[in-house]
Amino acid sequence: MGTGKTTVGRLLAAQLAWAFVDTDALIVKRDGRAITDIFAQEGEPYFRQLERAVSLELATQNNLVIATGGRLLLDPVNAAAFTRHGRVFCLTATVEEILRRVQDDDARPLLHGPNPAARIRQLLAAREEGYGRFPQIATDGKTPLQIAEEILTCVSIM
């Protein structure tokens, strides 16, 4: 969350002349509710089911750059689907940078509470092992264009 997945994904897709999909935006469009509303009304397990369905659908498509929700690739089924059919990169940022980027965004249900920095640390620690399976691209101090170019370089040497 807050690492630039959507912004960088759009740039990367444009550079490749591919389509771009943000899984969270697609879920919102199809469900007709904001993610915060889905969480509040149905709970996180329901939202994760929606993520899985979208993941399995998108993973088999070609010429597509996909920005996933922050926890989506921790689901082994989703991770297997995406890595079987494409390349996955994990964009990273420091806790301080993530907080700076998302502090005014009310659409972050996992950050609601008295200490969002502590919650970010907790989420990163819990997700570290799962994210560690993928090549890491640090985003701190870089423009979205620099990050997209770094990914393109990684893809060309893989």
N, C-alpha and C. Protein backbone atom coordinates (compact mmCIF):
# COMPACT_ATOMS: atom_id res chain seq x y z
N MET A 1 0.83 -1.17 0.00
CA MET A 1 0.00 0.00 0.00
C MET A 1 0.88 1.24 0.00
N GLY A 2 0.54 2.19 -0.85
CA GLY A 2 1.26 3.44 -0.89
C GLY A 2 2.64 3.37 -1.49
N THR A 3 2.92 2.33 -2.24
CA THR A 3 4.25 2.19 -2.84
C THR A 3 4.30 2.65 -4.29
N GLY A 4 3.15 3.00 -4.86
CA GLY A 4 3.12 3.50 -6.23
C GLY A 4 2.68 2.49 -7.27
N LYS A 5 2.05 1.42 -6.83
CA LYS A 5 1.69 0.35 -7.77
C LYS A 5 0.81 0.85 -8.93
N THR A 6 -0.20 1.63 -8.62
CA THR A 6 -1.12 2.09 -9.66
C THR A 6 -0.45 3.11 -10.57
N THR A 7 0.22 4.08 -9.99
CA THR A 7 0.86 5.13 -10.79
C THR A 7 1.94 4.52 -11.69
N VAL A 8 2.79 3.70 -11.11
CA VAL A 8 3.87 3.07 -11.88
C VAL A 8 3.28 2.09 -12.89
N GLY A 9 2.28 1.36 -12.48
CA GLY A 9 1.65 0.40 -13.39
C GLY A 9 1.10 1.06 -14.64
N ARG A 10 0.46 2.20 -14.48
CA ARG A 10 -0.07 2.93 -15.64
C ARG A 10 1.06 3.37 -16.57
N LEU A 11 2.13 3.88 -16.01
CA LEU A 11 3.28 4.30 -16.82
C LEU A 11 3.90 3.12 -17.55
N LEU A 12 4.07 2.03 -16.83
CA LEU A 12 4.66 0.83 -17.42
C LEU A 12 3.80 0.30 -18.56
N ALA A 13 2.50 0.26 -18.34
CA ALA A 13 1.59 -0.21 -19.39
C ALA A 13 1.67 0.69 -20.62
N ALA A 14 1.73 1.99 -20.40
CA ALA A 14 1.84 2.92 -21.54
C ALA A 14 3.13 2.70 -22.30
N GLN A 15 4.23 2.48 -21.59
CA GLN A 15 5.52 2.26 -22.25
C GLN A 15 5.53 0.96 -23.04
N LEU A 16 4.81 -0.03 -22.56
CA LEU A 16 4.75 -1.32 -23.25
C LEU A 16 3.63 -1.39 -24.29
N ALA A 17 2.76 -0.38 -24.29
CA ALA A 17 1.56 -0.37 -25.13
C ALA A 17 0.66 -1.57 -24.78
N TRP A 18 0.55 -1.83 -23.48
CA TRP A 18 -0.31 -2.87 -22.95
C TRP A 18 -1.46 -2.23 -22.19
N ALA A 19 -2.46 -3.03 -21.87
CA ALA A 19 -3.57 -2.56 -21.05
C ALA A 19 -3.13 -2.54 -19.58
N PHE A 20 -3.82 -1.74 -18.78
CA PHE A 20 -3.54 -1.65 -17.36
C PHE A 20 -4.80 -1.95 -16.57
N VAL A 21 -4.64 -2.72 -15.48
CA VAL A 21 -5.76 -3.01 -14.58
C VAL A 21 -5.27 -2.87 -13.14
N ASP A 22 -6.02 -2.17 -12.34
CA ASP A 22 -5.80 -2.10 -10.90
C ASP A 22 -6.86 -3.01 -10.28
N THR A 23 -6.44 -4.04 -9.57
CA THR A 23 -7.41 -5.01 -9.05
C THR A 23 -8.40 -4.38 -8.09
N ASP A 24 -7.93 -3.46 -7.25
CA ASP A 24 -8.86 -2.80 -6.32
C ASP A 24 -9.92 -2.00 -7.08
N ALA A 25 -9.49 -1.25 -8.10
CA ALA A 25 -10.44 -0.46 -8.89
C ALA A 25 -11.44 -1.36 -9.62
N LEU A 26 -10.97 -2.50 -10.12
CA LEU A 26 -11.86 -3.44 -10.81
C LEU A 26 -12.89 -4.02 -9.84
N ILE A 27 -12.46 -4.35 -8.64
CA ILE A 27 -13.39 -4.87 -7.64
C ILE A 27 -14.44 -3.82 -7.30
N VAL A 28 -14.02 -2.59 -7.10
CA VAL A 28 -14.96 -1.50 -6.79
C VAL A 28 -15.96 -1.33 -7.93
N LYS A 29 -15.46 -1.35 -9.15
CA LYS A 29 -16.34 -1.18 -10.32
C LYS A 29 -17.37 -2.30 -10.40
N ARG A 30 -16.92 -3.52 -10.22
CA ARG A 30 -17.84 -4.66 -10.35
C ARG A 30 -18.80 -4.78 -9.18
N ASP A 31 -18.31 -4.52 -7.97
CA ASP A 31 -19.15 -4.67 -6.79
C ASP A 31 -20.08 -3.48 -6.58
N GLY A 32 -19.66 -2.31 -7.05
CA GLY A 32 -20.47 -1.11 -6.90
C GLY A 32 -20.32 -0.41 -5.56
N ARG A 33 -19.36 -0.87 -4.75
CA ARG A 33 -19.13 -0.25 -3.45
C ARG A 33 -17.64 0.05 -3.29
N ALA A 34 -17.34 1.06 -2.49
CA ALA A 34 -15.95 1.35 -2.15
C ALA A 34 -15.39 0.21 -1.31
N ILE A 35 -14.08 0.05 -1.34
CA ILE A 35 -13.45 -1.02 -0.56
C ILE A 35 -13.76 -0.86 0.92
N THR A 36 -13.74 0.37 1.41
CA THR A 36 -14.06 0.58 2.83
C THR A 36 -15.47 0.10 3.15
N ASP A 37 -16.39 0.29 2.21
CA ASP A 37 -17.77 -0.18 2.42
C ASP A 37 -17.85 -1.70 2.36
N ILE A 38 -17.11 -2.31 1.44
CA ILE A 38 -17.09 -3.78 1.36
C ILE A 38 -16.58 -4.35 2.69
N PHE A 39 -15.47 -3.78 3.18
CA PHE A 39 -14.91 -4.24 4.46
C PHE A 39 -15.93 -4.07 5.58
N ALA A 40 -16.56 -2.91 5.65
CA ALA A 40 -17.50 -2.61 6.74
C ALA A 40 -18.75 -3.48 6.67
N GLN A 41 -19.26 -3.72 5.47
CA GLN A 41 -20.53 -4.42 5.32
C GLN A 41 -20.39 -5.94 5.21
N GLU A 42 -19.27 -6.40 4.63
CA GLU A 42 -19.13 -7.83 4.37
C GLU A 42 -17.96 -8.46 5.10
N GLY A 43 -16.97 -7.64 5.47
CA GLY A 43 -15.78 -8.16 6.16
C GLY A 43 -14.64 -8.45 5.20
N GLU A 44 -13.46 -8.58 5.79
CA GLU A 44 -12.26 -8.82 4.98
C GLU A 44 -12.30 -10.16 4.23
N PRO A 45 -12.78 -11.26 4.83
CA PRO A 45 -12.79 -12.52 4.08
C PRO A 45 -13.57 -12.43 2.75
N TYR A 46 -14.68 -11.72 2.78
CA TYR A 46 -15.47 -11.54 1.55
C TYR A 46 -14.66 -10.78 0.51
N PHE A 47 -13.99 -9.70 0.95
CA PHE A 47 -13.17 -8.92 0.03
C PHE A 47 -12.07 -9.79 -0.56
N ARG A 48 -11.45 -10.66 0.24
CA ARG A 48 -10.37 -11.53 -0.26
C ARG A 48 -10.91 -12.53 -1.28
N GLN A 49 -12.16 -12.94 -1.14
CA GLN A 49 -12.78 -13.81 -2.16
C GLN A 49 -12.92 -13.07 -3.48
N LEU A 50 -13.32 -11.81 -3.41
CA LEU A 50 -13.42 -11.00 -4.62
C LEU A 50 -12.04 -10.85 -5.27
N GLU A 51 -11.02 -10.61 -4.46
CA GLU A 51 -9.66 -10.50 -4.97
C GLU A 51 -9.23 -11.77 -5.70
N ARG A 52 -9.51 -12.91 -5.10
CA ARG A 52 -9.10 -14.18 -5.71
C ARG A 52 -9.77 -14.38 -7.05
N ALA A 53 -11.05 -14.11 -7.12
CA ALA A 53 -11.78 -14.28 -8.39
C ALA A 53 -11.18 -13.39 -9.48
N VAL A 54 -10.91 -12.15 -9.14
CA VAL A 54 -10.31 -11.21 -10.10
C VAL A 54 -8.91 -11.68 -10.50
N SER A 55 -8.14 -12.15 -9.53
CA SER A 55 -6.78 -12.61 -9.79
C SER A 55 -6.76 -13.78 -10.77
N LEU A 56 -7.59 -14.76 -10.52
CA LEU A 56 -7.61 -15.93 -11.38
C LEU A 56 -8.05 -15.57 -12.80
N GLU A 57 -8.92 -14.60 -12.91
CA GLU A 57 -9.36 -14.14 -14.23
C GLU A 57 -8.24 -13.39 -14.95
N LEU A 58 -7.61 -12.45 -14.28
CA LEU A 58 -6.61 -11.60 -14.92
C LEU A 58 -5.30 -12.32 -15.20
N ALA A 59 -4.95 -13.27 -14.38
CA ALA A 59 -3.64 -13.92 -14.48
C ALA A 59 -3.42 -14.64 -15.81
N THR A 60 -4.48 -14.99 -16.48
CA THR A 60 -4.32 -15.72 -17.73
C THR A 60 -4.32 -14.81 -18.96
N GLN A 61 -4.50 -13.52 -18.75
CA GLN A 61 -4.55 -12.59 -19.88
C GLN A 61 -3.15 -12.14 -20.28
N ASN A 62 -2.96 -11.85 -21.55
CA ASN A 62 -1.68 -11.41 -22.07
C ASN A 62 -1.63 -9.90 -22.23
N ASN A 63 -0.40 -9.38 -22.30
CA ASN A 63 -0.17 -7.96 -22.55
C ASN A 63 -0.96 -7.08 -21.59
N LEU A 64 -0.77 -7.35 -20.32
CA LEU A 64 -1.51 -6.66 -19.28
C LEU A 64 -0.56 -6.36 -18.12
N VAL A 65 -0.59 -5.13 -17.65
CA VAL A 65 0.11 -4.75 -16.43
C VAL A 65 -0.96 -4.66 -15.35
N ILE A 66 -0.70 -5.35 -14.24
CA ILE A 66 -1.69 -5.44 -13.17
C ILE A 66 -1.10 -4.86 -11.89
N ALA A 67 -1.79 -3.91 -11.31
CA ALA A 67 -1.45 -3.40 -9.98
C ALA A 67 -2.38 -4.10 -9.01
N THR A 68 -1.82 -4.83 -8.08
CA THR A 68 -2.65 -5.61 -7.16
C THR A 68 -2.88 -4.87 -5.86
N GLY A 69 -3.90 -5.28 -5.16
CA GLY A 69 -4.12 -4.78 -3.82
C GLY A 69 -2.95 -5.20 -2.93
N GLY A 70 -2.75 -4.49 -1.84
CA GLY A 70 -1.58 -4.68 -1.00
C GLY A 70 -1.36 -6.07 -0.44
N ARG A 71 -2.40 -6.85 -0.26
CA ARG A 71 -2.26 -8.18 0.35
C ARG A 71 -2.53 -9.30 -0.65
N LEU A 72 -2.95 -8.97 -1.83
CA LEU A 72 -3.41 -9.95 -2.81
C LEU A 72 -2.41 -11.07 -3.07
N LEU A 73 -1.13 -10.74 -3.20
CA LEU A 73 -0.13 -11.76 -3.55
C LEU A 73 0.33 -12.59 -2.36
N LEU A 74 -0.21 -12.34 -1.18
CA LEU A 74 0.07 -13.20 -0.04
C LEU A 74 -0.79 -14.46 -0.09
N ASP A 75 -1.84 -14.42 -0.86
CA ASP A 75 -2.68 -15.60 -1.08
C ASP A 75 -1.92 -16.52 -2.03
N PRO A 76 -1.57 -17.73 -1.61
CA PRO A 76 -0.78 -18.62 -2.45
C PRO A 76 -1.43 -18.94 -3.79
N VAL A 77 -2.74 -19.00 -3.83
CA VAL A 77 -3.44 -19.27 -5.09
C VAL A 77 -3.23 -18.11 -6.06
N ASN A 78 -3.38 -16.88 -5.56
CA ASN A 78 -3.17 -15.71 -6.41
C ASN A 78 -1.73 -15.63 -6.88
N ALA A 79 -0.78 -15.82 -5.96
CA ALA A 79 0.64 -15.74 -6.31
C ALA A 79 1.00 -16.78 -7.36
N ALA A 80 0.50 -17.99 -7.19
CA ALA A 80 0.79 -19.05 -8.16
C ALA A 80 0.22 -18.72 -9.53
N ALA A 81 -0.98 -18.18 -9.56
CA ALA A 81 -1.60 -17.83 -10.84
C ALA A 81 -0.80 -16.76 -11.57
N PHE A 82 -0.39 -15.71 -10.85
CA PHE A 82 0.34 -14.62 -11.48
C PHE A 82 1.74 -15.03 -11.89
N THR A 83 2.44 -15.81 -11.07
CA THR A 83 3.81 -16.19 -11.42
C THR A 83 3.84 -17.25 -12.51
N ARG A 84 2.79 -18.01 -12.65
CA ARG A 84 2.72 -19.03 -13.69
C ARG A 84 2.61 -18.37 -15.07
N HIS A 85 1.95 -17.23 -15.13
CA HIS A 85 1.67 -16.61 -16.42
C HIS A 85 2.39 -15.28 -16.65
N GLY A 86 3.18 -14.82 -15.69
CA GLY A 86 3.82 -13.52 -15.90
C GLY A 86 4.90 -13.25 -14.87
N ARG A 87 5.37 -12.04 -14.87
CA ARG A 87 6.41 -11.62 -13.93
C ARG A 87 5.78 -10.74 -12.85
N VAL A 88 6.23 -10.92 -11.63
CA VAL A 88 5.70 -10.17 -10.50
C VAL A 88 6.85 -9.40 -9.86
N PHE A 89 6.61 -8.14 -9.57
CA PHE A 89 7.56 -7.30 -8.86
C PHE A 89 6.87 -6.70 -7.65
N CYS A 90 7.63 -6.53 -6.59
CA CYS A 90 7.10 -5.94 -5.36
C CYS A 90 7.70 -4.55 -5.20
N LEU A 91 6.86 -3.53 -5.22
CA LEU A 91 7.33 -2.17 -4.97
C LEU A 91 7.38 -1.97 -3.46
N THR A 92 8.48 -1.39 -2.98
CA THR A 92 8.66 -1.20 -1.55
C THR A 92 8.89 0.28 -1.23
N ALA A 93 8.66 0.61 0.02
CA ALA A 93 8.93 1.96 0.53
C ALA A 93 9.09 1.86 2.03
N THR A 94 9.74 2.85 2.61
CA THR A 94 9.88 2.88 4.07
C THR A 94 8.53 3.20 4.71
N VAL A 95 8.42 2.90 5.98
CA VAL A 95 7.20 3.20 6.73
C VAL A 95 6.89 4.68 6.63
N GLU A 96 7.91 5.51 6.81
CA GLU A 96 7.71 6.95 6.78
C GLU A 96 7.20 7.42 5.42
N GLU A 97 7.75 6.86 4.35
CA GLU A 97 7.33 7.25 3.01
C GLU A 97 5.91 6.79 2.72
N ILE A 98 5.58 5.57 3.13
CA ILE A 98 4.22 5.07 2.94
C ILE A 98 3.23 5.96 3.68
N LEU A 99 3.55 6.27 4.92
CA LEU A 99 2.66 7.12 5.72
C LEU A 99 2.48 8.48 5.07
N ARG A 100 3.55 9.07 4.58
CA ARG A 100 3.46 10.36 3.90
C ARG A 100 2.54 10.29 2.69
N ARG A 101 2.63 9.19 1.95
CA ARG A 101 1.84 9.04 0.72
C ARG A 101 0.36 8.78 0.99
N VAL A 102 0.04 8.10 2.08
CA VAL A 102 -1.35 7.68 2.30
C VAL A 102 -2.05 8.38 3.46
N GLN A 103 -1.38 9.26 4.16
CA GLN A 103 -1.96 9.82 5.38
C GLN A 103 -3.26 10.57 5.17
N ASP A 104 -3.48 11.12 3.99
CA ASP A 104 -4.72 11.86 3.74
C ASP A 104 -5.74 11.04 2.95
N ASP A 105 -5.50 9.75 2.80
CA ASP A 105 -6.36 8.87 2.01
C ASP A 105 -7.29 8.10 2.94
N ASP A 106 -8.56 8.48 2.96
CA ASP A 106 -9.54 7.82 3.82
C ASP A 106 -9.92 6.43 3.32
N ALA A 107 -9.51 6.08 2.11
CA ALA A 107 -9.88 4.80 1.53
C ALA A 107 -8.88 3.70 1.87
N ARG A 108 -8.27 3.76 3.03
CA ARG A 108 -7.31 2.76 3.48
C ARG A 108 -7.85 2.11 4.75
N PRO A 109 -8.76 1.14 4.62
CA PRO A 109 -9.41 0.59 5.81
C PRO A 109 -8.47 -0.08 6.80
N LEU A 110 -7.34 -0.58 6.35
CA LEU A 110 -6.43 -1.24 7.26
C LEU A 110 -5.59 -0.26 8.06
N LEU A 111 -5.69 1.05 7.75
CA LEU A 111 -4.92 2.05 8.49
C LEU A 111 -5.76 2.89 9.44
N HIS A 112 -7.04 2.60 9.53
CA HIS A 112 -7.88 3.35 10.45
C HIS A 112 -7.49 2.98 11.88
N GLY A 113 -7.25 3.97 12.68
CA GLY A 113 -6.86 3.72 14.06
C GLY A 113 -5.95 4.82 14.56
N PRO A 114 -5.55 4.71 15.82
CA PRO A 114 -4.82 5.80 16.46
C PRO A 114 -3.36 5.94 16.03
N ASN A 115 -2.72 4.87 15.53
CA ASN A 115 -1.30 4.92 15.21
C ASN A 115 -1.03 4.27 13.85
N PRO A 116 -1.30 4.98 12.74
CA PRO A 116 -1.13 4.36 11.43
C PRO A 116 0.31 3.93 11.14
N ALA A 117 1.31 4.62 11.66
CA ALA A 117 2.71 4.22 11.41
C ALA A 117 2.98 2.85 12.03
N ALA A 118 2.48 2.63 13.23
CA ALA A 118 2.65 1.33 13.87
C ALA A 118 1.92 0.25 13.08
N ARG A 119 0.75 0.59 12.56
CA ARG A 119 -0.02 -0.38 11.76
C ARG A 119 0.72 -0.71 10.47
N ILE A 120 1.34 0.29 9.84
CA ILE A 120 2.13 0.04 8.63
C ILE A 120 3.29 -0.91 8.95
N ARG A 121 4.00 -0.64 10.06
CA ARG A 121 5.11 -1.53 10.46
C ARG A 121 4.61 -2.95 10.66
N GLN A 122 3.47 -3.06 11.32
CA GLN A 122 2.89 -4.38 11.58
C GLN A 122 2.54 -5.09 10.27
N LEU A 123 1.91 -4.37 9.36
CA LEU A 123 1.54 -4.97 8.07
C LEU A 123 2.77 -5.39 7.27
N LEU A 124 3.79 -4.53 7.24
CA LEU A 124 5.01 -4.86 6.50
C LEU A 124 5.70 -6.08 7.10
N ALA A 125 5.75 -6.16 8.43
CA ALA A 125 6.38 -7.31 9.08
C ALA A 125 5.61 -8.59 8.77
N ALA A 126 4.29 -8.52 8.82
CA ALA A 126 3.47 -9.70 8.55
C ALA A 126 3.57 -10.14 7.10
N ARG A 127 3.83 -9.21 6.20
CA ARG A 127 3.86 -9.51 4.77
C ARG A 127 5.27 -9.73 4.22
N GLU A 128 6.28 -9.51 5.06
CA GLU A 128 7.67 -9.55 4.61
C GLU A 128 8.04 -10.88 3.93
N GLU A 129 7.71 -11.98 4.54
CA GLU A 129 8.06 -13.27 3.97
C GLU A 129 7.37 -13.50 2.63
N GLY A 130 6.09 -13.21 2.57
CA GLY A 130 5.36 -13.41 1.32
C GLY A 130 5.84 -12.51 0.21
N TYR A 131 6.10 -11.24 0.53
CA TYR A 131 6.60 -10.30 -0.48
C TYR A 131 8.02 -10.65 -0.90
N GLY A 132 8.78 -11.24 0.01
CA GLY A 132 10.18 -11.55 -0.26
C GLY A 132 10.39 -12.54 -1.38
N ARG A 133 9.35 -13.22 -1.81
CA ARG A 133 9.46 -14.18 -2.92
C ARG A 133 9.63 -13.50 -4.27
N PHE A 134 9.34 -12.20 -4.31
CA PHE A 134 9.34 -11.48 -5.57
C PHE A 134 10.48 -10.48 -5.62
N PRO A 135 10.98 -10.17 -6.82
CA PRO A 135 12.00 -9.12 -6.92
C PRO A 135 11.48 -7.81 -6.32
N GLN A 136 12.33 -7.16 -5.53
CA GLN A 136 11.95 -5.95 -4.81
C GLN A 136 12.44 -4.71 -5.57
N ILE A 137 11.57 -3.72 -5.71
CA ILE A 137 11.92 -2.45 -6.33
C ILE A 137 11.63 -1.35 -5.31
N ALA A 138 12.70 -0.74 -4.76
CA ALA A 138 12.53 0.34 -3.78
C ALA A 138 12.06 1.59 -4.50
N THR A 139 11.06 2.27 -3.93
CA THR A 139 10.46 3.44 -4.57
C THR A 139 10.81 4.75 -3.89
N ASP A 140 11.38 4.71 -2.71
CA ASP A 140 11.73 5.94 -1.99
C ASP A 140 12.69 6.78 -2.82
N GLY A 141 12.40 8.08 -2.92
CA GLY A 141 13.30 9.01 -3.60
C GLY A 141 13.36 8.86 -5.11
N LYS A 142 12.43 8.12 -5.68
CA LYS A 142 12.40 7.92 -7.14
C LYS A 142 11.09 8.44 -7.70
N THR A 143 11.14 8.89 -8.93
CA THR A 143 9.91 9.28 -9.60
C THR A 143 9.22 8.03 -10.13
N PRO A 144 7.93 8.09 -10.37
CA PRO A 144 7.25 6.94 -10.96
C PRO A 144 7.89 6.50 -12.29
N LEU A 145 8.34 7.45 -13.09
CA LEU A 145 8.98 7.11 -14.36
C LEU A 145 10.29 6.35 -14.12
N GLN A 146 11.07 6.75 -13.15
CA GLN A 146 12.31 6.04 -12.83
C GLN A 146 12.01 4.60 -12.39
N ILE A 147 10.96 4.43 -11.62
CA ILE A 147 10.59 3.10 -11.14
C ILE A 147 10.15 2.22 -12.32
N ALA A 148 9.32 2.78 -13.20
CA ALA A 148 8.87 2.03 -14.38
C ALA A 148 10.07 1.62 -15.23
N GLU A 149 11.02 2.52 -15.41
CA GLU A 149 12.21 2.20 -16.20
C GLU A 149 13.04 1.12 -15.54
N GLU A 150 13.12 1.14 -14.21
CA GLU A 150 13.84 0.09 -13.48
C GLU A 150 13.19 -1.27 -13.70
N ILE A 151 11.87 -1.31 -13.69
CA ILE A 151 11.16 -2.57 -13.94
C ILE A 151 11.41 -3.05 -15.35
N LEU A 152 11.36 -2.14 -16.31
CA LEU A 152 11.62 -2.52 -17.71
C LEU A 152 13.04 -3.09 -17.86
N THR A 153 13.99 -2.50 -17.16
CA THR A 153 15.36 -3.01 -17.19
C THR A 153 15.41 -4.41 -16.60
N CYS A 154 14.73 -4.63 -15.49
CA CYS A 154 14.69 -5.95 -14.86
C CYS A 154 14.09 -6.99 -15.81
N VAL A 155 13.02 -6.61 -16.48
CA VAL A 155 12.34 -7.54 -17.39
C VAL A 155 13.26 -7.90 -18.56
N SER A 156 14.00 -6.91 -19.06
CA SER A 156 14.84 -7.18 -20.23
C SER A 156 16.04 -8.04 -19.90
N ILE A 157 16.49 -8.08 -18.63
CA ILE A 157 17.63 -8.91 -18.29
C ILE A 157 17.22 -10.26 -17.68
N MET A 158 15.94 -10.48 -17.49
CA MET A 158 15.47 -11.75 -16.91
C MET A 158 15.36 -12.81 -17.98
